[in-house]
Amino acid sequence: MKRALIRFSFFLLVICAGCAAKNEPTPEEIATAKVKDSPPYKDYTLEAIEASRHDVEQRLKAPSTADFSYNGLPKEIKTKGVKLSDMSPELRKFIKVARKLDQEDIFRVYQQTLYVDAENSFGAKLRQHFISTFIINTKLGSTKSFVELY
């Protein structure tokens, strides 16, 4: 019995040692794995939706009664090469400063149209349309969002 237990322990030790002796990955394999795992392009649509909802709720008299309706997901808009007069006033101020600093390429801008049905101070349910803009500085990670009535 003891001899069988010793043989089994030795056999188990050999198997465990074989499993532990793995080859180290080459630098090329490590670099390839990092490229596969890291997303080349981060999508900020969820952050844009959350920011627009938060900004609109701050403007409402009764935010608990709000029913949001989104007209699609936020779309990333390109600001490079677009005339400032074609932008909304708030976005125009922001992009003008970025162009002066020659850093327009580090900003990503998302816009979304939405409307909300909510009660006003008299209890009547009204519909208000908004354009929500979400700007992220990809270099610093800072964000700015604002909504405009239309």
Protein backbone atom coordinates (compact mmCIF):
# COMPACT_ATOMS: atom_id res chain seq x y z
CA MET A 1 0.00 0.00 0.00
CA LYS A 2 2.78 2.42 0.92
CA ARG A 3 4.66 1.57 -2.24
CA ALA A 4 1.55 2.29 -4.37
CA LEU A 5 1.05 5.61 -2.57
CA ILE A 6 4.68 6.59 -3.20
CA ARG A 7 4.37 5.66 -6.90
CA PHE A 8 1.14 7.65 -7.19
CA SER A 9 2.74 10.69 -5.50
CA PHE A 10 5.77 10.45 -7.79
CA PHE A 11 3.50 10.14 -10.85
CA LEU A 12 1.48 13.20 -9.70
CA LEU A 13 4.68 15.18 -9.13
CA VAL A 14 5.93 14.40 -12.66
CA ILE A 15 2.62 15.49 -14.19
CA CYS A 16 2.55 18.76 -12.20
CA ALA A 17 6.16 19.52 -13.11
CA GLY A 18 5.37 18.96 -16.79
CA CYS A 19 2.43 21.37 -16.62
CA ALA A 20 4.49 24.06 -14.91
CA ALA A 21 7.33 23.96 -17.44
CA LYS A 22 5.72 26.21 -20.08
CA ASN A 23 7.74 28.04 -22.65
CA GLU A 24 8.03 31.78 -22.13
CA PRO A 25 6.28 33.83 -24.83
CA THR A 26 8.50 35.66 -27.28
CA PRO A 27 8.42 39.48 -27.45
CA GLU A 28 6.60 39.24 -30.78
CA GLU A 29 3.85 37.12 -29.21
CA ILE A 30 3.49 39.59 -26.34
CA ALA A 31 3.24 42.55 -28.73
CA THR A 32 0.67 40.75 -30.90
CA ALA A 33 -1.43 39.88 -27.85
CA LYS A 34 -1.38 43.49 -26.65
CA VAL A 35 -2.51 44.75 -30.05
CA LYS A 36 -5.36 42.22 -30.16
CA ASP A 37 -6.55 43.02 -26.61
CA SER A 38 -6.47 46.80 -26.77
CA PRO A 39 -9.31 48.46 -28.68
CA PRO A 40 -7.94 50.76 -31.37
CA TYR A 41 -10.85 53.15 -31.02
CA LYS A 42 -12.89 53.78 -27.89
CA ASP A 43 -16.55 54.50 -28.41
CA TYR A 44 -17.98 57.16 -26.09
CA THR A 45 -21.68 56.80 -27.01
CA LEU A 46 -22.72 55.51 -23.57
CA GLU A 47 -20.96 58.38 -21.84
CA ALA A 48 -22.62 60.82 -24.25
CA ILE A 49 -26.10 59.39 -23.54
CA GLU A 50 -25.55 59.58 -19.79
CA ALA A 51 -24.20 63.14 -19.97
CA SER A 52 -27.10 64.35 -22.11
CA ARG A 53 -29.65 62.78 -19.80
CA HIS A 54 -28.00 64.35 -16.76
CA ASP A 55 -27.83 67.81 -18.39
CA VAL A 56 -31.49 67.71 -19.43
CA GLU A 57 -32.64 66.52 -16.00
CA GLN A 58 -30.93 69.53 -14.40
CA ARG A 59 -33.10 71.86 -16.50
CA LEU A 60 -36.42 70.23 -15.64
CA LYS A 61 -38.79 71.31 -12.87
CA ALA A 62 -39.87 67.69 -12.19
CA PRO A 63 -37.10 65.36 -13.38
CA SER A 64 -38.80 62.31 -11.84
CA THR A 65 -41.64 62.64 -14.38
CA ALA A 66 -39.29 62.73 -17.38
CA ASP A 67 -39.78 60.27 -20.24
CA PHE A 68 -36.77 60.44 -22.56
CA SER A 69 -36.99 59.57 -26.22
CA TYR A 70 -33.79 59.37 -28.18
CA ASN A 71 -33.68 59.73 -31.94
CA GLY A 72 -30.92 57.19 -32.44
CA LEU A 73 -27.52 56.90 -30.83
CA PRO A 74 -25.17 59.87 -30.52
CA LYS A 75 -23.17 60.40 -33.70
CA GLU A 76 -19.56 61.44 -33.74
CA ILE A 77 -19.25 64.63 -35.74
CA LYS A 78 -16.12 65.83 -37.43
CA THR A 79 -15.18 69.43 -36.67
CA LYS A 80 -11.99 69.56 -38.69
CA GLY A 81 -12.58 71.56 -41.87
CA VAL A 82 -16.14 72.55 -40.91
CA LYS A 83 -16.99 76.25 -40.92
CA LEU A 84 -17.60 77.67 -37.47
CA SER A 85 -20.81 79.31 -38.68
CA ASP A 86 -22.27 75.82 -39.29
CA MET A 87 -21.82 74.83 -35.63
CA SER A 88 -24.01 75.55 -32.65
CA PRO A 89 -22.96 78.66 -30.63
CA GLU A 90 -21.66 76.69 -27.63
CA LEU A 91 -19.68 74.25 -29.78
CA ARG A 92 -18.36 77.14 -31.88
CA LYS A 93 -16.72 78.75 -28.83
CA PHE A 94 -15.09 75.49 -27.82
CA ILE A 95 -13.75 74.60 -31.28
CA LYS A 96 -12.48 78.15 -31.86
CA VAL A 97 -10.19 77.83 -28.84
CA ALA A 98 -9.07 74.34 -29.94
CA ARG A 99 -8.20 75.66 -33.41
CA LYS A 100 -6.19 78.54 -31.92
CA LEU A 101 -4.14 76.04 -29.91
CA ASP A 102 -3.89 73.75 -32.97
CA GLN A 103 -5.27 70.86 -30.91
CA GLU A 104 -8.54 70.18 -32.69
CA ASP A 105 -7.53 66.59 -33.48
CA ILE A 106 -7.46 65.52 -29.80
CA PHE A 107 -11.15 66.34 -29.32
CA ARG A 108 -13.98 63.95 -30.13
CA VAL A 109 -17.46 65.43 -30.43
CA TYR A 110 -20.73 63.50 -30.21
CA GLN A 111 -24.14 65.02 -30.89
CA GLN A 112 -27.59 63.64 -30.38
CA THR A 113 -31.12 64.94 -30.79
CA LEU A 114 -33.59 63.95 -28.14
CA TYR A 115 -36.85 65.02 -26.65
CA VAL A 116 -38.28 64.69 -23.20
CA ASP A 117 -41.86 64.61 -21.99
CA ALA A 118 -41.98 66.02 -18.47
CA GLU A 119 -44.27 67.96 -16.21
CA ASN A 120 -43.81 71.68 -15.83
CA SER A 121 -44.40 73.64 -12.62
CA PHE A 122 -48.19 73.58 -13.24
CA GLY A 123 -48.32 69.79 -13.64
CA ALA A 124 -48.92 69.79 -17.40
CA LYS A 125 -46.88 67.30 -19.40
CA LEU A 126 -44.95 69.07 -22.16
CA ARG A 127 -42.51 67.92 -24.84
CA GLN A 128 -39.20 69.74 -25.29
CA HIS A 129 -36.63 68.99 -28.00
CA PHE A 130 -32.89 69.23 -27.33
CA ILE A 131 -29.60 68.89 -29.13
CA SER A 132 -27.07 67.36 -26.80
CA THR A 133 -23.34 67.75 -27.41
CA PHE A 134 -20.64 65.74 -25.64
CA ILE A 135 -16.97 66.68 -26.08
CA ILE A 136 -14.07 64.59 -24.81
CA ASN A 137 -10.41 65.52 -24.77
CA THR A 138 -8.76 62.19 -25.59
CA LYS A 139 -5.36 63.40 -24.41
CA LEU A 140 -6.44 64.52 -20.93
CA GLY A 141 -9.61 62.46 -20.54
CA SER A 142 -11.65 65.54 -19.61
CA THR A 143 -15.21 65.93 -20.82
CA LYS A 144 -17.68 68.73 -21.41
CA SER A 145 -21.32 68.35 -22.26
CA PHE A 146 -24.15 70.76 -22.87
CA VAL A 147 -27.68 70.77 -24.22
CA GLU A 148 -29.42 73.36 -26.36
CA LEU A 149 -33.13 73.84 -26.95
CA TYR A 150 -34.46 73.88 -30.45
